[in-house]
């Protein structure tokens, strides 16, 4: 995988799923300058309904291929492997897809990130053992806080 940062300005993103993984992805995206963010799910965690983004649309329904028609980026985050695979099949080659249940079907992965002053530090694992990398990123963050107490600002 080639490490890049994506400019999401004027992009249309769709997340399929309304559970913990979908919410984590939403949390990572909510401060970006996205043209629109649509989240489609039969059910949502209550936290989704507390979101105040004007560009956010929550749609309570089963997935169908029309849900991703205008998407530039698709995040597949349901707990149903059959639905997840169907979404990937329905996507076009011009759409970037993050299939959270099967890294082999993903065009990109998210990386754990910490911030120190104006520096973002990303931890790359090529989609392997996300929890281990997350644990390491927390350890590095604790180290920075301890060593640079007076300078640390998140």
N, C-alpha and C. Protein backbone atom coordinates (compact mmCIF):
# COMPACT_ATOMS: atom_id res chain seq x y z
N UNK A 1 0.85 -1.18 0.00
CA UNK A 1 0.00 0.00 0.00
C UNK A 1 0.89 1.24 0.00
N UNK A 2 0.44 2.22 -0.71
CA UNK A 2 1.15 3.49 -0.83
C UNK A 2 0.55 4.48 0.16
N UNK A 3 1.33 4.97 1.14
CA UNK A 3 0.75 5.87 2.15
C UNK A 3 0.49 7.25 1.56
N UNK A 4 -0.75 7.71 1.68
CA UNK A 4 -1.13 9.03 1.18
C UNK A 4 -2.10 9.67 2.17
N UNK A 5 -2.30 10.97 2.01
CA UNK A 5 -3.36 11.68 2.71
C UNK A 5 -4.33 12.13 1.63
N UNK A 6 -5.62 11.97 1.89
CA UNK A 6 -6.63 12.33 0.91
C UNK A 6 -7.23 13.69 1.20
N UNK A 7 -7.36 14.50 0.17
CA UNK A 7 -8.09 15.76 0.28
C UNK A 7 -9.56 15.41 0.04
N UNK A 8 -10.37 15.54 1.06
CA UNK A 8 -11.77 15.15 0.97
C UNK A 8 -12.70 16.30 0.60
N UNK A 9 -12.14 17.48 0.37
CA UNK A 9 -12.98 18.63 0.00
C UNK A 9 -13.76 18.31 -1.27
N UNK A 10 -15.02 18.62 -1.24
CA UNK A 10 -15.92 18.41 -2.38
C UNK A 10 -16.15 16.94 -2.73
N UNK A 11 -15.85 16.06 -1.80
CA UNK A 11 -16.10 14.63 -2.03
C UNK A 11 -17.40 14.21 -1.38
N UNK A 12 -18.02 13.22 -1.97
CA UNK A 12 -19.25 12.64 -1.43
C UNK A 12 -18.91 11.28 -0.85
N UNK A 13 -19.11 11.15 0.46
CA UNK A 13 -18.78 9.91 1.16
C UNK A 13 -20.05 9.21 1.61
N UNK A 14 -20.01 7.89 1.55
CA UNK A 14 -21.12 7.08 2.04
C UNK A 14 -20.54 6.01 2.95
N UNK A 15 -21.14 5.89 4.14
CA UNK A 15 -20.83 4.81 5.05
C UNK A 15 -22.06 3.91 5.10
N UNK A 16 -21.85 2.64 4.87
CA UNK A 16 -22.94 1.67 5.01
C UNK A 16 -22.70 0.93 6.32
N UNK A 17 -23.60 1.12 7.27
CA UNK A 17 -23.49 0.53 8.59
C UNK A 17 -23.73 1.59 9.65
N UNK A 18 -24.25 1.18 10.78
CA UNK A 18 -24.58 2.13 11.84
C UNK A 18 -24.09 1.71 13.21
N UNK A 19 -23.12 0.80 13.26
CA UNK A 19 -22.61 0.29 14.53
C UNK A 19 -21.32 0.96 14.96
N UNK A 20 -20.55 0.26 15.81
CA UNK A 20 -19.34 0.81 16.40
C UNK A 20 -18.28 1.17 15.37
N UNK A 21 -18.06 0.28 14.40
CA UNK A 21 -17.04 0.55 13.39
C UNK A 21 -17.45 1.75 12.53
N UNK A 22 -18.70 1.79 12.12
CA UNK A 22 -19.19 2.92 11.33
C UNK A 22 -19.06 4.22 12.13
N UNK A 23 -19.37 4.17 13.41
CA UNK A 23 -19.28 5.37 14.24
C UNK A 23 -17.83 5.83 14.38
N UNK A 24 -16.91 4.89 14.54
CA UNK A 24 -15.49 5.26 14.61
C UNK A 24 -15.05 5.94 13.32
N UNK A 25 -15.48 5.42 12.19
CA UNK A 25 -15.14 6.04 10.90
C UNK A 25 -15.75 7.43 10.80
N UNK A 26 -17.00 7.57 11.23
CA UNK A 26 -17.67 8.87 11.23
C UNK A 26 -16.89 9.87 12.10
N UNK A 27 -16.47 9.43 13.28
CA UNK A 27 -15.71 10.31 14.18
C UNK A 27 -14.44 10.83 13.50
N UNK A 28 -13.79 9.96 12.74
CA UNK A 28 -12.56 10.35 12.05
C UNK A 28 -12.84 11.35 10.92
N UNK A 29 -14.03 11.31 10.37
CA UNK A 29 -14.37 12.13 9.20
C UNK A 29 -15.09 13.43 9.53
N UNK A 30 -15.67 13.54 10.70
CA UNK A 30 -16.61 14.63 10.96
C UNK A 30 -15.99 16.03 10.93
N UNK A 31 -14.69 16.15 11.08
CA UNK A 31 -14.06 17.47 11.03
C UNK A 31 -13.50 17.80 9.65
N UNK A 32 -13.64 16.88 8.72
CA UNK A 32 -13.13 17.12 7.36
C UNK A 32 -14.11 17.97 6.56
N UNK A 33 -13.60 18.64 5.55
CA UNK A 33 -14.45 19.47 4.67
C UNK A 33 -15.03 18.61 3.56
N UNK A 34 -16.01 17.83 3.91
CA UNK A 34 -16.64 16.90 2.98
C UNK A 34 -17.90 17.55 2.41
N UNK A 35 -18.12 17.40 1.11
CA UNK A 35 -19.33 17.96 0.50
C UNK A 35 -20.57 17.33 1.12
N UNK A 36 -20.56 16.00 1.24
CA UNK A 36 -21.70 15.32 1.88
C UNK A 36 -21.24 14.00 2.47
N UNK A 37 -21.89 13.64 3.57
CA UNK A 37 -21.63 12.37 4.22
C UNK A 37 -22.98 11.72 4.49
N UNK A 38 -23.22 10.61 3.81
CA UNK A 38 -24.46 9.87 3.97
C UNK A 38 -24.14 8.55 4.67
N UNK A 39 -24.93 8.24 5.70
CA UNK A 39 -24.75 6.98 6.41
C UNK A 39 -26.06 6.22 6.31
N UNK A 40 -25.97 4.99 5.79
CA UNK A 40 -27.15 4.16 5.56
C UNK A 40 -27.07 2.92 6.45
N UNK A 41 -28.12 2.68 7.22
CA UNK A 41 -28.16 1.50 8.08
C UNK A 41 -29.59 1.22 8.51
N UNK A 42 -29.86 -0.03 8.80
CA UNK A 42 -31.17 -0.39 9.34
C UNK A 42 -31.31 0.13 10.77
N UNK A 43 -30.19 0.15 11.51
CA UNK A 43 -30.18 0.66 12.88
C UNK A 43 -28.91 1.48 13.09
N UNK A 44 -29.00 2.43 14.02
CA UNK A 44 -27.86 3.30 14.33
C UNK A 44 -27.60 3.31 15.83
N UNK A 45 -26.33 3.43 16.20
CA UNK A 45 -26.01 3.72 17.59
C UNK A 45 -26.63 5.07 17.93
N UNK A 46 -27.10 5.28 19.15
CA UNK A 46 -27.71 6.56 19.52
C UNK A 46 -26.79 7.76 19.29
N UNK A 47 -25.48 7.55 19.40
CA UNK A 47 -24.52 8.65 19.24
C UNK A 47 -24.64 9.33 17.88
N UNK A 48 -25.03 8.60 16.86
CA UNK A 48 -25.16 9.20 15.53
C UNK A 48 -26.17 10.35 15.54
N UNK A 49 -27.22 10.19 16.31
CA UNK A 49 -28.30 11.18 16.30
C UNK A 49 -27.95 12.45 17.06
N UNK A 50 -26.82 12.45 17.74
CA UNK A 50 -26.35 13.65 18.44
C UNK A 50 -25.46 14.51 17.55
N UNK A 51 -25.10 14.01 16.39
CA UNK A 51 -24.21 14.74 15.48
C UNK A 51 -24.91 15.97 14.92
N UNK A 52 -24.14 17.04 14.75
CA UNK A 52 -24.70 18.32 14.31
C UNK A 52 -24.19 18.78 12.95
N UNK A 53 -23.51 17.93 12.20
CA UNK A 53 -22.96 18.33 10.91
C UNK A 53 -24.07 18.60 9.91
N UNK A 54 -24.00 19.75 9.25
CA UNK A 54 -25.02 20.11 8.27
C UNK A 54 -24.93 19.26 7.00
N UNK A 55 -23.76 18.70 6.75
CA UNK A 55 -23.58 17.88 5.54
C UNK A 55 -23.87 16.39 5.78
N UNK A 56 -24.38 16.05 6.97
CA UNK A 56 -24.63 14.66 7.34
C UNK A 56 -26.09 14.28 7.09
N UNK A 57 -26.25 13.12 6.45
CA UNK A 57 -27.59 12.58 6.24
C UNK A 57 -27.60 11.14 6.74
N UNK A 58 -28.50 10.84 7.69
CA UNK A 58 -28.68 9.48 8.19
C UNK A 58 -29.92 8.90 7.53
N UNK A 59 -29.78 7.74 6.91
CA UNK A 59 -30.90 7.09 6.23
C UNK A 59 -31.11 5.72 6.85
N UNK A 60 -32.28 5.52 7.44
CA UNK A 60 -32.60 4.25 8.09
C UNK A 60 -33.30 3.34 7.08
N UNK A 61 -32.53 2.39 6.53
CA UNK A 61 -33.07 1.45 5.55
C UNK A 61 -32.04 0.39 5.26
N UNK A 62 -32.45 -0.64 4.54
CA UNK A 62 -31.52 -1.65 4.04
C UNK A 62 -30.73 -1.07 2.87
N UNK A 63 -29.52 -1.53 2.71
CA UNK A 63 -28.68 -1.09 1.60
C UNK A 63 -29.27 -1.52 0.26
N UNK A 64 -29.18 -0.62 -0.73
CA UNK A 64 -29.35 -1.02 -2.13
C UNK A 64 -28.34 -0.23 -2.96
N UNK A 65 -28.04 -0.69 -4.14
CA UNK A 65 -26.95 -0.13 -4.95
C UNK A 65 -27.10 1.35 -5.24
N UNK A 66 -28.32 1.89 -5.21
CA UNK A 66 -28.52 3.32 -5.43
C UNK A 66 -27.87 4.16 -4.32
N UNK A 67 -27.67 3.57 -3.15
CA UNK A 67 -27.09 4.31 -2.03
C UNK A 67 -25.67 4.78 -2.30
N UNK A 68 -24.95 4.08 -3.16
CA UNK A 68 -23.55 4.43 -3.41
C UNK A 68 -23.33 5.05 -4.80
N UNK A 69 -24.40 5.25 -5.52
CA UNK A 69 -24.29 5.71 -6.90
C UNK A 69 -23.46 6.98 -7.07
N UNK A 70 -23.64 7.97 -6.20
CA UNK A 70 -22.95 9.26 -6.35
C UNK A 70 -21.73 9.39 -5.44
N UNK A 71 -21.36 8.32 -4.76
CA UNK A 71 -20.26 8.38 -3.80
C UNK A 71 -18.91 8.41 -4.49
N UNK A 72 -18.01 9.22 -3.94
CA UNK A 72 -16.61 9.18 -4.36
C UNK A 72 -15.85 8.16 -3.52
N UNK A 73 -16.25 8.09 -2.24
CA UNK A 73 -15.60 7.19 -1.29
C UNK A 73 -16.69 6.42 -0.55
N UNK A 74 -16.50 5.11 -0.42
CA UNK A 74 -17.47 4.24 0.25
C UNK A 74 -16.76 3.52 1.40
N UNK A 75 -17.39 3.57 2.56
CA UNK A 75 -16.89 2.81 3.70
C UNK A 75 -17.92 1.75 4.03
N UNK A 76 -17.50 0.51 3.94
CA UNK A 76 -18.38 -0.63 4.19
C UNK A 76 -18.15 -1.09 5.63
N UNK A 77 -19.19 -0.95 6.47
CA UNK A 77 -19.01 -1.24 7.89
C UNK A 77 -20.24 -1.91 8.49
N UNK A 78 -20.80 -2.89 7.80
CA UNK A 78 -21.93 -3.62 8.37
C UNK A 78 -21.40 -4.89 9.04
N UNK A 79 -22.26 -5.57 9.77
CA UNK A 79 -21.87 -6.84 10.39
C UNK A 79 -22.36 -8.04 9.56
N UNK A 80 -22.70 -7.78 8.30
CA UNK A 80 -23.20 -8.82 7.42
C UNK A 80 -22.24 -9.00 6.23
N UNK A 81 -21.43 -10.06 6.24
CA UNK A 81 -20.45 -10.27 5.17
C UNK A 81 -21.07 -10.31 3.77
N UNK A 82 -22.28 -10.86 3.65
CA UNK A 82 -22.94 -10.93 2.34
C UNK A 82 -23.23 -9.51 1.83
N UNK A 83 -23.77 -8.66 2.68
CA UNK A 83 -24.06 -7.27 2.29
C UNK A 83 -22.75 -6.55 1.98
N UNK A 84 -21.75 -6.72 2.83
CA UNK A 84 -20.45 -6.07 2.60
C UNK A 84 -19.89 -6.43 1.22
N UNK A 85 -19.91 -7.71 0.89
CA UNK A 85 -19.38 -8.14 -0.40
C UNK A 85 -20.21 -7.62 -1.55
N UNK A 86 -21.52 -7.53 -1.37
CA UNK A 86 -22.39 -6.99 -2.42
C UNK A 86 -22.09 -5.52 -2.68
N UNK A 87 -21.85 -4.77 -1.61
CA UNK A 87 -21.52 -3.35 -1.77
C UNK A 87 -20.25 -3.21 -2.60
N UNK A 88 -19.24 -4.01 -2.28
CA UNK A 88 -17.99 -3.96 -3.04
C UNK A 88 -18.24 -4.30 -4.50
N UNK A 89 -19.06 -5.32 -4.77
CA UNK A 89 -19.39 -5.69 -6.15
C UNK A 89 -20.13 -4.57 -6.87
N UNK A 90 -20.97 -3.84 -6.15
CA UNK A 90 -21.76 -2.76 -6.74
C UNK A 90 -20.95 -1.50 -7.00
N UNK A 91 -19.80 -1.39 -6.34
CA UNK A 91 -18.99 -0.17 -6.51
C UNK A 91 -18.34 -0.14 -7.89
N UNK A 92 -18.06 1.09 -8.33
CA UNK A 92 -17.40 1.29 -9.62
C UNK A 92 -15.89 1.42 -9.42
N UNK A 93 -15.10 1.14 -10.44
CA UNK A 93 -13.64 1.25 -10.30
C UNK A 93 -13.17 2.66 -9.92
N UNK A 94 -13.96 3.67 -10.22
CA UNK A 94 -13.58 5.04 -9.90
C UNK A 94 -13.89 5.43 -8.45
N UNK A 95 -14.56 4.57 -7.73
CA UNK A 95 -14.89 4.84 -6.33
C UNK A 95 -13.86 4.18 -5.42
N UNK A 96 -13.40 4.91 -4.41
CA UNK A 96 -12.50 4.34 -3.43
C UNK A 96 -13.32 3.64 -2.36
N UNK A 97 -12.94 2.40 -2.04
CA UNK A 97 -13.72 1.59 -1.10
C UNK A 97 -12.84 1.15 0.06
N UNK A 98 -13.36 1.34 1.28
CA UNK A 98 -12.75 0.80 2.49
C UNK A 98 -13.70 -0.27 3.01
N UNK A 99 -13.35 -1.52 2.78
CA UNK A 99 -14.15 -2.67 3.21
C UNK A 99 -13.60 -3.09 4.57
N UNK A 100 -14.27 -2.67 5.65
CA UNK A 100 -13.72 -2.88 6.99
C UNK A 100 -13.68 -4.35 7.40
N UNK A 101 -14.42 -5.20 6.72
CA UNK A 101 -14.45 -6.61 7.06
C UNK A 101 -13.48 -7.46 6.26
N UNK A 102 -12.88 -6.90 5.20
CA UNK A 102 -11.99 -7.69 4.35
C UNK A 102 -10.98 -6.77 3.68
N UNK A 103 -9.81 -6.68 4.26
CA UNK A 103 -8.80 -5.75 3.74
C UNK A 103 -8.41 -6.04 2.29
N UNK A 104 -8.58 -7.30 1.84
CA UNK A 104 -8.21 -7.61 0.45
C UNK A 104 -9.15 -6.94 -0.55
N UNK A 105 -10.31 -6.50 -0.08
CA UNK A 105 -11.26 -5.82 -0.96
C UNK A 105 -11.24 -4.30 -0.76
N UNK A 106 -10.26 -3.80 -0.02
CA UNK A 106 -10.16 -2.37 0.26
C UNK A 106 -9.17 -1.68 -0.65
N UNK A 107 -9.52 -0.47 -1.06
CA UNK A 107 -8.59 0.37 -1.80
C UNK A 107 -7.69 1.16 -0.86
N UNK A 108 -8.12 1.30 0.40
CA UNK A 108 -7.34 2.04 1.39
C UNK A 108 -7.73 1.57 2.79
N UNK A 109 -6.86 1.87 3.75
CA UNK A 109 -7.12 1.62 5.17
C UNK A 109 -6.91 2.93 5.91
N UNK A 110 -7.54 3.05 7.05
CA UNK A 110 -7.26 4.18 7.93
C UNK A 110 -6.13 3.79 8.87
N UNK A 111 -5.38 4.80 9.30
CA UNK A 111 -4.26 4.56 10.19
C UNK A 111 -4.52 5.29 11.51
N UNK A 112 -4.19 4.66 12.64
CA UNK A 112 -4.28 5.39 13.90
C UNK A 112 -3.39 6.63 13.84
N UNK A 113 -3.86 7.72 14.45
CA UNK A 113 -3.16 8.99 14.35
C UNK A 113 -3.15 9.67 15.71
N UNK A 114 -2.01 10.25 16.03
CA UNK A 114 -1.95 11.12 17.20
C UNK A 114 -1.42 12.47 16.74
N UNK A 115 -1.72 13.51 17.53
CA UNK A 115 -1.27 14.86 17.18
C UNK A 115 -0.35 15.39 18.27
N UNK A 116 0.77 15.92 17.84
CA UNK A 116 1.67 16.61 18.74
C UNK A 116 1.98 17.96 18.12
N UNK A 117 1.53 19.02 18.80
CA UNK A 117 1.63 20.38 18.27
C UNK A 117 0.99 20.39 16.88
N UNK A 118 1.72 20.80 15.87
CA UNK A 118 1.16 20.84 14.51
C UNK A 118 1.63 19.65 13.67
N UNK A 119 1.99 18.57 14.35
CA UNK A 119 2.47 17.37 13.66
C UNK A 119 1.47 16.24 13.89
N UNK A 120 1.07 15.60 12.82
CA UNK A 120 0.24 14.39 12.92
C UNK A 120 1.16 13.19 12.72
N UNK A 121 1.07 12.27 13.65
CA UNK A 121 1.89 11.05 13.58
C UNK A 121 0.95 9.89 13.29
N UNK A 122 1.20 9.23 12.16
CA UNK A 122 0.37 8.12 11.73
C UNK A 122 1.11 6.80 11.93
N UNK A 123 0.35 5.76 12.23
CA UNK A 123 0.92 4.45 12.46
C UNK A 123 0.38 3.50 11.40
N UNK A 124 1.28 2.94 10.65
CA UNK A 124 0.90 2.12 9.51
C UNK A 124 1.11 0.64 9.79
N UNK A 125 0.12 -0.16 9.42
CA UNK A 125 0.24 -1.61 9.61
C UNK A 125 -0.17 -2.39 8.37
N UNK A 126 -0.45 -1.69 7.29
CA UNK A 126 -0.92 -2.32 6.05
C UNK A 126 -2.18 -3.15 6.28
N UNK A 127 -3.00 -2.69 7.21
CA UNK A 127 -4.26 -3.37 7.47
C UNK A 127 -4.16 -4.56 8.38
N UNK A 128 -2.97 -4.79 8.95
CA UNK A 128 -2.77 -5.94 9.84
C UNK A 128 -2.84 -5.51 11.29
N UNK A 129 -3.56 -6.26 12.09
CA UNK A 129 -3.62 -6.11 13.54
C UNK A 129 -3.83 -4.65 13.98
N UNK A 130 -4.95 -4.09 13.59
CA UNK A 130 -5.30 -2.71 13.92
C UNK A 130 -5.23 -2.47 15.42
N UNK A 131 -5.73 -3.40 16.22
CA UNK A 131 -5.75 -3.21 17.67
C UNK A 131 -4.35 -3.09 18.26
N UNK A 132 -3.41 -3.86 17.74
CA UNK A 132 -2.02 -3.77 18.22
C UNK A 132 -1.43 -2.41 17.86
N UNK A 133 -1.67 -1.94 16.66
CA UNK A 133 -1.15 -0.65 16.23
C UNK A 133 -1.80 0.47 17.04
N UNK A 134 -3.08 0.34 17.32
CA UNK A 134 -3.78 1.33 18.15
C UNK A 134 -3.15 1.39 19.54
N UNK A 135 -2.83 0.23 20.10
CA UNK A 135 -2.21 0.15 21.42
C UNK A 135 -0.84 0.84 21.39
N UNK A 136 -0.07 0.61 20.35
CA UNK A 136 1.25 1.24 20.20
C UNK A 136 1.09 2.75 20.07
N UNK A 137 0.11 3.20 19.29
CA UNK A 137 -0.10 4.65 19.13
C UNK A 137 -0.45 5.30 20.46
N UNK A 138 -1.25 4.63 21.29
CA UNK A 138 -1.58 5.16 22.62
C UNK A 138 -0.32 5.24 23.49
N UNK A 139 0.55 4.24 23.40
CA UNK A 139 1.79 4.24 24.18
C UNK A 139 2.69 5.40 23.75
N UNK A 140 2.80 5.65 22.45
CA UNK A 140 3.61 6.76 21.95
C UNK A 140 3.00 8.09 22.42
N UNK A 141 1.68 8.19 22.37
CA UNK A 141 1.02 9.42 22.82
C UNK A 141 1.29 9.66 24.30
N UNK A 142 1.20 8.63 25.12
CA UNK A 142 1.49 8.76 26.56
C UNK A 142 2.95 9.19 26.77
N UNK A 143 3.85 8.62 25.96
CA UNK A 143 5.26 8.99 26.04
C UNK A 143 5.44 10.48 25.74
N UNK A 144 4.83 10.96 24.66
CA UNK A 144 4.96 12.38 24.30
C UNK A 144 4.40 13.29 25.39
N UNK A 145 3.28 12.90 25.96
CA UNK A 145 2.68 13.69 27.03
C UNK A 145 3.63 13.75 28.23
N UNK A 146 4.21 12.63 28.58
CA UNK A 146 5.09 12.57 29.74
C UNK A 146 6.39 13.35 29.50
N UNK A 147 7.00 13.15 28.36
CA UNK A 147 8.30 13.77 28.08
C UNK A 147 8.17 15.26 27.79
N UNK A 148 7.10 15.65 27.11
CA UNK A 148 6.92 17.05 26.71
C UNK A 148 5.69 17.66 27.39
N UNK A 149 5.56 17.46 28.68
CA UNK A 149 4.38 17.90 29.42
C UNK A 149 3.99 19.34 29.12
N UNK A 150 4.94 20.25 29.21
CA UNK A 150 4.61 21.67 29.05
C UNK A 150 4.29 22.05 27.61
N UNK A 151 4.73 21.26 26.64
CA UNK A 151 4.51 21.57 25.24
C UNK A 151 3.33 20.83 24.62
N UNK A 152 2.79 19.84 25.30
CA UNK A 152 1.80 18.95 24.68
C UNK A 152 0.43 19.59 24.59
N UNK A 153 -0.10 19.65 23.38
CA UNK A 153 -1.46 20.15 23.13
C UNK A 153 -2.13 19.26 22.11
N UNK A 154 -3.27 18.71 22.45
CA UNK A 154 -4.00 17.86 21.50
C UNK A 154 -5.04 18.71 20.81
